[in-house]
């Protein structure tokens, strides 16, 4: 599938320039000016009422959006260091939390079995969709299965998947159709969410938080389609937000109970970052993992 990037060699240069200027203006130039003169640290502001899913958002500066996928972005991340040599940064994230929630909330046996048996979920999905043994799954098969797994959460259709993985719309539709044949309860779960939203006007997370979808019964196909995708996605993303907030509260409580020097400093979606005292590592690691 031809993209704009393939049309002319100057496109690469424009994208390269855009990446460099964005990194420079957003981080290299801005962050030093945001250092607090008293603490000599950068302090973000977390907000609970901005993201529709209920996740915390970060601004002034936004520390949840520091790039990592490119080499230049990784250089920016190196600027964030522990408070002194007695401390070290620890990062802990929920592995594939949204897919685990989809498996749990839909009750799909195939997906639940993959997680229970510690099988790579994207490899397991590829084996099911392409009808091959786990050992015969290729990198390309896994890549496509991964795209389907995450695309399904966002209500992605054949057109979006085709663009994402570079195949025809017909092939993308066949992949999605086969996916739902292999994981039928996920399709039932998605349809159930849309049906509930059409009847009640909202969807809810596992903790009962509601997101109202006023356009779910709109006569406008495009507007209604957006609301239907939110009906599928919001309970998943919202439940993930619920779980990590509960974990943050529990971890904070345990840290206070043990009067630890270590601090939880940052939440990035499904990841928590700690400024951990080296002498407390063996104490805090099980606390983080268990909560």
C-alpha atoms as a PDB file:
ATOM      1  CA  UNK A   1       0.000   0.000   0.000  1.00  0.00           C
ATOM      2  CA  UNK A   2       1.485   3.358  -1.122  1.00  0.00           C
ATOM      3  CA  UNK A   3       1.803   6.043   1.523  1.00  0.00           C
ATOM      4  CA  UNK A   4       2.785   9.691   1.149  1.00  0.00           C
ATOM      5  CA  UNK A   5       6.215   8.803   2.505  1.00  0.00           C
ATOM      6  CA  UNK A   6       6.896   6.742  -0.626  1.00  0.00           C
ATOM      7  CA  UNK A   7       5.982   9.505  -3.074  1.00  0.00           C
ATOM      8  CA  UNK A   8       9.125  11.660  -2.899  1.00  0.00           C
ATOM      9  CA  UNK A   9      12.493  11.511  -1.056  1.00  0.00           C
ATOM     10  CA  UNK A  10      11.896  14.956   0.468  1.00  0.00           C
ATOM     11  CA  UNK A  11       9.110  13.507   2.658  1.00  0.00           C
ATOM     12  CA  UNK A  12      11.672  11.670   4.804  1.00  0.00           C
ATOM     13  CA  UNK A  13      13.637  14.883   5.246  1.00  0.00           C
ATOM     14  CA  UNK A  14      10.495  16.794   6.278  1.00  0.00           C
ATOM     15  CA  UNK A  15       9.558  14.111   8.822  1.00  0.00           C
ATOM     16  CA  UNK A  16      13.132  14.101  10.136  1.00  0.00           C
ATOM     17  CA  UNK A  17      13.091  17.901  10.504  1.00  0.00           C
ATOM     18  CA  UNK A  18       9.693  17.752  12.228  1.00  0.00           C
ATOM     19  CA  UNK A  19      10.966  15.204  14.772  1.00  0.00           C
ATOM     20  CA  UNK A  20      14.062  17.261  15.603  1.00  0.00           C
ATOM     21  CA  UNK A  21      12.227  20.592  15.925  1.00  0.00           C
ATOM     22  CA  UNK A  22       9.502  19.037  18.096  1.00  0.00           C
ATOM     23  CA  UNK A  23      12.063  17.445  20.434  1.00  0.00           C
ATOM     24  CA  UNK A  24      13.988  20.719  20.623  1.00  0.00           C
ATOM     25  CA  UNK A  25      11.013  22.978  21.342  1.00  0.00           C
ATOM     26  CA  UNK A  26       9.078  20.600  23.616  1.00  0.00           C
ATOM     27  CA  UNK A  27      11.942  19.178  25.652  1.00  0.00           C
ATOM     28  CA  UNK A  28      15.472  20.494  25.013  1.00  0.00           C
ATOM     29  CA  UNK A  29      14.484  24.174  25.173  1.00  0.00           C
ATOM     30  CA  UNK A  30      11.464  23.934  27.498  1.00  0.00           C
ATOM     31  CA  UNK A  31      12.447  21.499  30.273  1.00  0.00           C
ATOM     32  CA  UNK A  32      15.438  23.459  31.685  1.00  0.00           C
ATOM     33  CA  UNK A  33      13.115  26.472  32.138  1.00  0.00           C
ATOM     34  CA  UNK A  34      10.693  24.326  34.151  1.00  0.00           C
ATOM     35  CA  UNK A  35      13.213  23.297  36.816  1.00  0.00           C
ATOM     36  CA  UNK A  36      11.935  24.432  40.211  1.00  0.00           C
ATOM     37  CA  UNK A  37      14.510  26.848  41.720  1.00  0.00           C
ATOM     38  CA  UNK A  38      13.954  25.476  45.227  1.00  0.00           C
ATOM     39  CA  UNK A  39      13.873  21.709  44.629  1.00  0.00           C
ATOM     40  CA  UNK A  40      15.996  21.762  41.451  1.00  0.00           C
ATOM     41  CA  UNK A  41      13.563  19.248  39.941  1.00  0.00           C
ATOM     42  CA  UNK A  42      10.894  19.238  37.267  1.00  0.00           C
ATOM     43  CA  UNK A  43       7.364  18.888  38.690  1.00  0.00           C
ATOM     44  CA  UNK A  44       4.416  17.926  36.514  1.00  0.00           C
ATOM     45  CA  UNK A  45       0.728  18.452  37.293  1.00  0.00           C
ATOM     46  CA  UNK A  46      -1.550  15.402  37.207  1.00  0.00           C
ATOM     47  CA  UNK A  47      -5.197  15.934  36.323  1.00  0.00           C
ATOM     48  CA  UNK A  48      -8.018  13.462  36.899  1.00  0.00           C
ATOM     49  CA  UNK A  49     -10.798  15.116  34.896  1.00  0.00           C
ATOM     50  CA  UNK A  50      -9.233  15.626  31.457  1.00  0.00           C
ATOM     51  CA  UNK A  51      -9.057  12.170  29.856  1.00  0.00           C
ATOM     52  CA  UNK A  52     -12.497  10.753  29.040  1.00  0.00           C
ATOM     53  CA  UNK A  53     -11.355   7.260  30.027  1.00  0.00           C
ATOM     54  CA  UNK A  54     -10.478   8.368  33.565  1.00  0.00           C
ATOM     55  CA  UNK A  55      -6.737   8.071  33.188  1.00  0.00           C
ATOM     56  CA  UNK A  56      -4.522  10.652  34.818  1.00  0.00           C
ATOM     57  CA  UNK A  57      -3.131  13.217  32.408  1.00  0.00           C
ATOM     58  CA  UNK A  58       0.087  15.164  32.864  1.00  0.00           C
ATOM     59  CA  UNK A  59       0.916  18.733  31.864  1.00  0.00           C
ATOM     60  CA  UNK A  60       3.391  21.563  32.445  1.00  0.00           C
ATOM     61  CA  UNK A  61       5.325  19.519  31.398  1.00  0.00           C
ATOM     62  CA  UNK A  62       3.611  16.482  29.933  1.00  0.00           C
ATOM     63  CA  UNK A  63       5.837  13.674  31.218  1.00  0.00           C
ATOM     64  CA  UNK A  64       3.589  10.936  29.800  1.00  0.00           C
ATOM     65  CA  UNK A  65       4.490  11.750  26.230  1.00  0.00           C
ATOM     66  CA  UNK A  66       8.287  11.594  26.283  1.00  0.00           C
ATOM     67  CA  UNK A  67       9.254   9.660  23.138  1.00  0.00           C
ATOM     68  CA  UNK A  68      11.073   6.334  23.353  1.00  0.00           C
ATOM     69  CA  UNK A  69      10.717   4.695  19.948  1.00  0.00           C
ATOM     70  CA  UNK A  70      13.417   6.733  18.228  1.00  0.00           C
ATOM     71  CA  UNK A  71      17.083   7.045  19.155  1.00  0.00           C
ATOM     72  CA  UNK A  72      16.707  10.804  19.596  1.00  0.00           C
ATOM     73  CA  UNK A  73      13.718  10.299  21.873  1.00  0.00           C
ATOM     74  CA  UNK A  74      15.706   7.882  24.002  1.00  0.00           C
ATOM     75  CA  UNK A  75      18.355  10.558  24.450  1.00  0.00           C
ATOM     76  CA  UNK A  76      15.681  12.863  25.908  1.00  0.00           C
ATOM     77  CA  UNK A  77      14.659  10.169  28.405  1.00  0.00           C
ATOM     78  CA  UNK A  78      18.242   9.909  29.629  1.00  0.00           C
ATOM     79  CA  UNK A  79      17.845  13.423  31.048  1.00  0.00           C
ATOM     80  CA  UNK A  80      15.531  12.051  33.743  1.00  0.00           C
ATOM     81  CA  UNK A  81      17.632  10.636  36.561  1.00  0.00           C
ATOM     82  CA  UNK A  82      17.210   9.607  40.240  1.00  0.00           C
ATOM     83  CA  UNK A  83      17.506  12.298  42.921  1.00  0.00           C
ATOM     84  CA  UNK A  84      21.074  11.220  43.837  1.00  0.00           C
ATOM     85  CA  UNK A  85      23.481   8.270  43.709  1.00  0.00           C
ATOM     86  CA  UNK A  86      21.668   6.465  46.535  1.00  0.00           C
ATOM     87  CA  UNK A  87      18.564   6.113  44.387  1.00  0.00           C
ATOM     88  CA  UNK A  88      17.649   4.337  41.177  1.00  0.00           C
ATOM     89  CA  UNK A  89      14.632   4.613  38.862  1.00  0.00           C
ATOM     90  CA  UNK A  90      12.320   1.584  38.716  1.00  0.00           C
ATOM     91  CA  UNK A  91       9.647   1.196  36.060  1.00  0.00           C
ATOM     92  CA  UNK A  92       6.797  -1.300  36.419  1.00  0.00           C
ATOM     93  CA  UNK A  93       3.908  -1.750  34.014  1.00  0.00           C
ATOM     94  CA  UNK A  94       0.862  -3.949  33.679  1.00  0.00           C
ATOM     95  CA  UNK A  95       1.730  -6.323  30.845  1.00  0.00           C
ATOM     96  CA  UNK A  96      -0.990  -6.158  28.148  1.00  0.00           C
ATOM     97  CA  UNK A  97      -3.545  -5.053  30.722  1.00  0.00           C
ATOM     98  CA  UNK A  98      -6.180  -4.072  28.161  1.00  0.00           C
ATOM     99  CA  UNK A  99      -6.074  -7.442  26.411  1.00  0.00           C
ATOM    100  CA  UNK A 100      -6.201  -9.210  29.776  1.00  0.00           C
ATOM    101  CA  UNK A 101      -9.264  -7.155  30.657  1.00  0.00           C
ATOM    102  CA  UNK A 102     -10.908  -8.002  27.335  1.00  0.00           C
ATOM    103  CA  UNK A 103     -10.260 -11.693  28.013  1.00  0.00           C
ATOM    104  CA  UNK A 104     -11.647 -11.441  31.554  1.00  0.00           C
ATOM    105  CA  UNK A 105     -14.702  -9.329  30.722  1.00  0.00           C
ATOM    106  CA  UNK A 106     -15.630 -11.328  27.623  1.00  0.00           C
ATOM    107  CA  UNK A 107     -14.896 -14.696  29.221  1.00  0.00           C
ATOM    108  CA  UNK A 108     -13.366 -15.970  25.970  1.00  0.00           C
ATOM    109  CA  UNK A 109     -11.772 -19.330  26.808  1.00  0.00           C
ATOM    110  CA  UNK A 110      -9.122 -19.249  24.086  1.00  0.00           C
ATOM    111  CA  UNK A 111      -7.742 -15.907  25.138  1.00  0.00           C
ATOM    112  CA  UNK A 112      -8.001 -16.724  28.845  1.00  0.00           C
ATOM    113  CA  UNK A 113      -6.109 -19.992  28.298  1.00  0.00           C
ATOM    114  CA  UNK A 114      -3.284 -18.169  26.513  1.00  0.00           C
ATOM    115  CA  UNK A 115      -2.822 -15.800  29.451  1.00  0.00           C
ATOM    116  CA  UNK A 116      -3.182 -18.537  32.086  1.00  0.00           C
ATOM    117  CA  UNK A 117      -0.510 -20.623  30.342  1.00  0.00           C
ATOM    118  CA  UNK A 118       1.832 -17.623  29.864  1.00  0.00           C
ATOM    119  CA  UNK A 119       1.730 -17.982  26.092  1.00  0.00           C
ATOM    120  CA  UNK A 120       2.558 -14.828  24.155  1.00  0.00           C
ATOM    121  CA  UNK A 121      -0.937 -13.557  23.343  1.00  0.00           C
ATOM    122  CA  UNK A 122      -0.050 -12.257  19.883  1.00  0.00           C
ATOM    123  CA  UNK A 123       1.566 -15.564  18.929  1.00  0.00           C
ATOM    124  CA  UNK A 124      -1.451 -17.439  20.299  1.00  0.00           C
ATOM    125  CA  UNK A 125      -3.792 -15.181  18.330  1.00  0.00           C
ATOM    126  CA  UNK A 126      -1.783 -15.654  15.130  1.00  0.00           C
ATOM    127  CA  UNK A 127      -1.848 -19.441  15.542  1.00  0.00           C
ATOM    128  CA  UNK A 128      -5.630 -19.349  15.913  1.00  0.00           C
ATOM    129  CA  UNK A 129      -6.311 -16.907  13.086  1.00  0.00           C
ATOM    130  CA  UNK A 130      -3.963 -18.559  10.587  1.00  0.00           C
ATOM    131  CA  UNK A 131      -4.687 -22.128  11.697  1.00  0.00           C
ATOM    132  CA  UNK A 132      -1.064 -23.105  12.424  1.00  0.00           C
ATOM    133  CA  UNK A 133       0.862 -24.490  15.386  1.00  0.00           C
ATOM    134  CA  UNK A 134       2.454 -22.024  17.797  1.00  0.00           C
ATOM    135  CA  UNK A 135       5.931 -22.996  16.629  1.00  0.00           C
ATOM    136  CA  UNK A 136       5.006 -22.238  13.024  1.00  0.00           C
ATOM    137  CA  UNK A 137       3.908 -18.636  13.639  1.00  0.00           C
ATOM    138  CA  UNK A 138       6.124 -16.236  11.688  1.00  0.00           C
ATOM    139  CA  UNK A 139       7.113 -12.694  12.688  1.00  0.00           C
ATOM    140  CA  UNK A 140       4.793 -11.313  10.029  1.00  0.00           C
ATOM    141  CA  UNK A 141       1.866 -13.404  11.314  1.00  0.00           C
ATOM    142  CA  UNK A 142       2.501 -12.228  14.870  1.00  0.00           C
ATOM    143  CA  UNK A 143       2.773  -8.605  13.760  1.00  0.00           C
ATOM    144  CA  UNK A 144      -0.583  -8.771  11.990  1.00  0.00           C
ATOM    145  CA  UNK A 145      -2.197 -10.586  14.925  1.00  0.00           C
ATOM    146  CA  UNK A 146      -0.866  -7.924  17.310  1.00  0.00           C
ATOM    147  CA  UNK A 147      -2.421  -5.217  15.162  1.00  0.00           C
ATOM    148  CA  UNK A 148      -5.753  -7.055  15.208  1.00  0.00           C
ATOM    149  CA  UNK A 149      -5.611  -7.607  18.983  1.00  0.00           C
ATOM    150  CA  UNK A 150      -5.126  -3.928  19.735  1.00  0.00           C
ATOM    151  CA  UNK A 151      -7.273  -2.748  16.821  1.00  0.00           C
ATOM    152  CA  UNK A 152     -10.239  -4.737  18.096  1.00  0.00           C
ATOM    153  CA  UNK A 153     -10.082  -2.888  21.430  1.00  0.00           C
ATOM    154  CA  UNK A 154     -10.491   0.390  19.570  1.00  0.00           C
ATOM    155  CA  UNK A 155     -13.303  -0.892  17.354  1.00  0.00           C
ATOM    156  CA  UNK A 156     -11.069  -0.834  14.291  1.00  0.00           C
ATOM    157  CA  UNK A 157     -12.615  -2.095  11.054  1.00  0.00           C
ATOM    158  CA  UNK A 158     -11.181  -3.604   7.887  1.00  0.00           C
ATOM    159  CA  UNK A 159     -10.207  -0.223   6.404  1.00  0.00           C
ATOM    160  CA  UNK A 160      -8.207   0.837   9.462  1.00  0.00           C
ATOM    161  CA  UNK A 161      -6.497  -2.543   9.800  1.00  0.00           C
ATOM    162  CA  UNK A 162      -5.603  -2.574   6.097  1.00  0.00           C
ATOM    163  CA  UNK A 163      -3.885   0.794   6.440  1.00  0.00           C
ATOM    164  CA  UNK A 164      -2.165  -0.234   9.644  1.00  0.00           C
ATOM    165  CA  UNK A 165      -0.569  -3.459   8.427  1.00  0.00           C
ATOM    166  CA  UNK A 166      -0.291  -2.673   4.716  1.00  0.00           C
ATOM    167  CA  UNK A 167      -2.691  -5.209   3.194  1.00  0.00           C
ATOM    168  CA  UNK A 168      -5.796  -4.944   1.041  1.00  0.00           C
ATOM    169  CA  UNK A 169      -9.151  -4.257   2.655  1.00  0.00           C
ATOM    170  CA  UNK A 170     -10.337  -7.699   1.544  1.00  0.00           C
ATOM    171  CA  UNK A 171      -7.424  -9.431   3.299  1.00  0.00           C
ATOM    172  CA  UNK A 172      -7.963  -7.298   6.402  1.00  0.00           C
ATOM    173  CA  UNK A 173     -11.660  -8.220   6.457  1.00  0.00           C
ATOM    174  CA  UNK A 174     -10.781 -11.909   6.162  1.00  0.00           C
ATOM    175  CA  UNK A 175      -8.345 -11.599   9.102  1.00  0.00           C
ATOM    176  CA  UNK A 176     -10.977  -9.871  11.268  1.00  0.00           C
ATOM    177  CA  UNK A 177     -13.706 -12.373  10.295  1.00  0.00           C
ATOM    178  CA  UNK A 178     -11.407 -15.281  11.141  1.00  0.00           C
ATOM    179  CA  UNK A 179     -10.442 -13.584  14.407  1.00  0.00           C
ATOM    180  CA  UNK A 180     -14.056 -13.466  15.527  1.00  0.00           C
ATOM    181  CA  UNK A 181     -14.574 -17.089  14.473  1.00  0.00           C
ATOM    182  CA  UNK A 182     -11.716 -18.088  16.759  1.00  0.00           C
ATOM    183  CA  UNK A 183     -12.661 -15.700  19.596  1.00  0.00           C
ATOM    184  CA  UNK A 184     -16.481 -15.583  19.384  1.00  0.00           C
ATOM    185  CA  UNK A 185     -17.056 -14.317  22.924  1.00  0.00           C
ATOM    186  CA  UNK A 186     -15.060 -11.168  22.189  1.00  0.00           C
ATOM    187  CA  UNK A 187     -17.479 -10.373  19.369  1.00  0.00           C
ATOM    188  CA  UNK A 188     -20.405 -11.055  21.725  1.00  0.00           C
ATOM    189  CA  UNK A 189     -18.826  -8.788  24.325  1.00  0.00           C
ATOM    190  CA  UNK A 190     -18.394  -5.950  21.830  1.00  0.00           C
ATOM    191  CA  UNK A 191     -21.947  -6.282  20.542  1.00  0.00           C
ATOM    192  CA  UNK A 192     -23.198  -6.466  24.119  1.00  0.00           C
ATOM    193  CA  UNK A 193     -21.458  -3.193  25.011  1.00  0.00           C
ATOM    194  CA  UNK A 194     -22.999  -1.421  22.015  1.00  0.00           C
ATOM    195  CA  UNK A 195     -26.454  -2.834  22.821  1.00  0.00           C
ATOM    196  CA  UNK A 196     -26.142  -1.740  26.465  1.00  0.00           C
ATOM    197  CA  UNK A 197     -25.025   1.753  25.421  1.00  0.00           C
ATOM    198  CA  UNK A 198     -27.944   2.121  22.983  1.00  0.00           C
ATOM    199  CA  UNK A 199     -30.402   1.140  25.699  1.00  0.00           C
ATOM    200  CA  UNK A 200     -28.888   2.959  28.685  1.00  0.00           C
ATOM    201  CA  UNK A 201     -26.999   5.824  27.034  1.00  0.00           C
ATOM    202  CA  UNK A 202     -23.717   4.986  28.757  1.00  0.00           C
ATOM    203  CA  UNK A 203     -21.106   2.278  29.329  1.00  0.00           C
ATOM    204  CA  UNK A 204     -19.289   1.555  32.581  1.00  0.00           C
ATOM    205  CA  UNK A 205     -15.997   0.265  33.912  1.00  0.00           C
ATOM    206  CA  UNK A 206     -15.478  -2.660  36.270  1.00  0.00           C
ATOM    207  CA  UNK A 207     -15.608  -0.152  39.155  1.00  0.00           C
ATOM    208  CA  UNK A 208     -18.931   1.218  37.933  1.00  0.00           C
ATOM    209  CA  UNK A 209     -17.639   4.520  36.511  1.00  0.00           C
ATOM    210  CA  UNK A 210     -19.894   5.646  33.689  1.00  0.00           C
ATOM    211  CA  UNK A 211     -19.146   7.275  30.364  1.00  0.00           C
ATOM    212  CA  UNK A 212     -22.216   8.736  28.707  1.00  0.00           C
ATOM    213  CA  UNK A 213     -22.436   8.445  24.910  1.00  0.00           C
ATOM    214  CA  UNK A 214     -25.047  10.892  23.703  1.00  0.00           C
ATOM    215  CA  UNK A 215     -24.516  10.065  20.023  1.00  0.00           C
ATOM    216  CA  UNK A 216     -24.912   6.288  20.354  1.00  0.00           C
ATOM    217  CA  UNK A 217     -28.344   6.395  18.661  1.00  0.00           C
ATOM    218  CA  UNK A 218     -27.528   9.150  16.196  1.00  0.00           C
ATOM    219  CA  UNK A 219     -28.925   8.818  12.677  1.00  0.00           C
ATOM    220  CA  UNK A 220     -25.602  10.089  11.337  1.00  0.00           C
ATOM    221  CA  UNK A 221     -23.553   6.986  10.483  1.00  0.00           C
ATOM    222  CA  UNK A 222     -20.169   8.594  11.139  1.00  0.00           C
ATOM    223  CA  UNK A 223     -21.161  10.132  14.466  1.00  0.00           C
ATOM    224  CA  UNK A 224     -22.878   6.930  15.609  1.00  0.00           C
ATOM    225  CA  UNK A 225     -19.876   4.851  14.544  1.00  0.00           C
ATOM    226  CA  UNK A 226     -17.557   6.955  16.707  1.00  0.00           C
ATOM    227  CA  UNK A 227     -19.851   6.473  19.709  1.00  0.00           C
ATOM    228  CA  UNK A 228     -20.023   2.717  19.071  1.00  0.00           C
ATOM    229  CA  UNK A 229     -16.231   2.499  19.040  1.00  0.00           C
ATOM    230  CA  UNK A 230     -16.199   4.345  22.367  1.00  0.00           C
ATOM    231  CA  UNK A 231     -18.774   1.883  23.691  1.00  0.00           C
ATOM    232  CA  UNK A 232     -16.303  -0.903  22.946  1.00  0.00           C
ATOM    233  CA  UNK A 233     -13.150   0.864  24.066  1.00  0.00           C
ATOM    234  CA  UNK A 234     -14.174   2.944  27.078  1.00  0.00           C
ATOM    235  CA  UNK A 235     -14.981   0.050  29.445  1.00  0.00           C
ATOM    236  CA  UNK A 236     -11.579  -1.478  28.653  1.00  0.00           C
ATOM    237  CA  UNK A 237      -9.450   1.665  28.906  1.00  0.00           C
ATOM    238  CA  UNK A 238     -11.549   2.937  31.797  1.00  0.00           C
ATOM    239  CA  UNK A 239     -11.169  -0.324  33.723  1.00  0.00           C
ATOM    240  CA  UNK A 240      -7.413  -0.214  33.143  1.00  0.00           C
ATOM    241  CA  UNK A 241      -7.431   3.315  34.576  1.00  0.00           C
ATOM    242  CA  UNK A 242      -9.414   2.072  37.598  1.00  0.00           C
ATOM    243  CA  UNK A 243      -6.943  -0.724  38.285  1.00  0.00           C
ATOM    244  CA  UNK A 244      -3.816   1.393  38.108  1.00  0.00           C
ATOM    245  CA  UNK A 245      -5.354   4.038  40.392  1.00  0.00           C
ATOM    246  CA  UNK A 246      -6.206   1.337  42.928  1.00  0.00           C
ATOM    247  CA  UNK A 247      -2.641   0.021  42.642  1.00  0.00           C
ATOM    248  CA  UNK A 248      -1.226   3.509  43.209  1.00  0.00           C
ATOM    249  CA  UNK A 249      -3.308   3.946  46.362  1.00  0.00           C
ATOM    250  CA  UNK A 250      -2.297   0.530  47.718  1.00  0.00           C
ATOM    251  CA  UNK A 251       1.395   1.044  46.949  1.00  0.00           C
ATOM    252  CA  UNK A 252       1.391   4.504  48.543  1.00  0.00           C
ATOM    253  CA  UNK A 253      -0.259   3.057  51.661  1.00  0.00           C
ATOM    254  CA  UNK A 254       2.356   0.290  51.910  1.00  0.00           C
ATOM    255  CA  UNK A 255       5.237   2.729  51.397  1.00  0.00           C
ATOM    256  CA  UNK A 256       3.890   4.914  54.228  1.00  0.00           C
ATOM    257  CA  UNK A 257       3.388   1.889  56.483  1.00  0.00           C
ATOM    258  CA  UNK A 258       7.050   0.931  56.080  1.00  0.00           C
ATOM    259  CA  UNK A 259       8.209   4.578  56.310  1.00  0.00           C
ATOM    260  CA  UNK A 260      10.214   4.187  53.108  1.00  0.00           C
ATOM    261  CA  UNK A 261      12.482   6.729  51.470  1.00  0.00           C
ATOM    262  CA  UNK A 262      11.429   5.486  48.037  1.00  0.00           C
ATOM    263  CA  UNK A 263       8.744   7.501  46.233  1.00  0.00           C
ATOM    264  CA  UNK A 264       6.278   6.881  43.435  1.00  0.00           C
ATOM    265  CA  UNK A 265       7.043   9.747  41.054  1.00  0.00           C
ATOM    266  CA  UNK A 266       5.228   9.192  37.794  1.00  0.00           C
ATOM    267  CA  UNK A 267       2.291   7.390  36.229  1.00  0.00           C
ATOM    268  CA  UNK A 268       2.387   6.859  32.467  1.00  0.00           C
ATOM    269  CA  UNK A 269      -0.864   5.135  31.502  1.00  0.00           C
ATOM    270  CA  UNK A 270      -0.247   1.499  32.510  1.00  0.00           C
ATOM    271  CA  UNK A 271       3.221   2.142  33.923  1.00  0.00           C
ATOM    272  CA  UNK A 272       4.430   3.413  37.296  1.00  0.00           C
ATOM    273  CA  UNK A 273       7.867   4.946  37.829  1.00  0.00           C
ATOM    274  CA  UNK A 274       9.567   4.978  41.235  1.00  0.00           C
ATOM    275  CA  UNK A 275      12.530   6.882  42.630  1.00  0.00           C
ATOM    276  CA  UNK A 276      13.764   3.966  44.738  1.00  0.00           C
ATOM    277  CA  UNK A 277      16.405   3.959  47.459  1.00  0.00           C
ATOM    278  CA  UNK A 278      18.926   1.227  46.704  1.00  0.00           C
ATOM    279  CA  UNK A 279      18.716  -0.169  50.240  1.00  0.00           C
ATOM    280  CA  UNK A 280      14.929  -0.658  49.863  1.00  0.00           C
ATOM    281  CA  UNK A 281      14.831  -2.455  46.524  1.00  0.00           C
ATOM    282  CA  UNK A 282      14.095  -5.907  47.961  1.00  0.00           C
ATOM    283  CA  UNK A 283      11.308  -4.420  50.093  1.00  0.00           C
ATOM    284  CA  UNK A 284       9.523  -2.429  47.407  1.00  0.00           C
ATOM    285  CA  UNK A 285       9.766  -4.855  44.482  1.00  0.00           C
ATOM    286  CA  UNK A 286       7.299  -7.394  45.960  1.00  0.00           C
ATOM    287  CA  UNK A 287       5.000  -4.550  47.052  1.00  0.00           C
ATOM    288  CA  UNK A 288       4.896  -3.196  43.498  1.00  0.00           C
ATOM    289  CA  UNK A 289       4.405  -6.627  41.945  1.00  0.00           C
ATOM    290  CA  UNK A 290       1.670  -7.715  44.347  1.00  0.00           C
ATOM    291  CA  UNK A 291      -0.365  -4.515  44.201  1.00  0.00           C
END
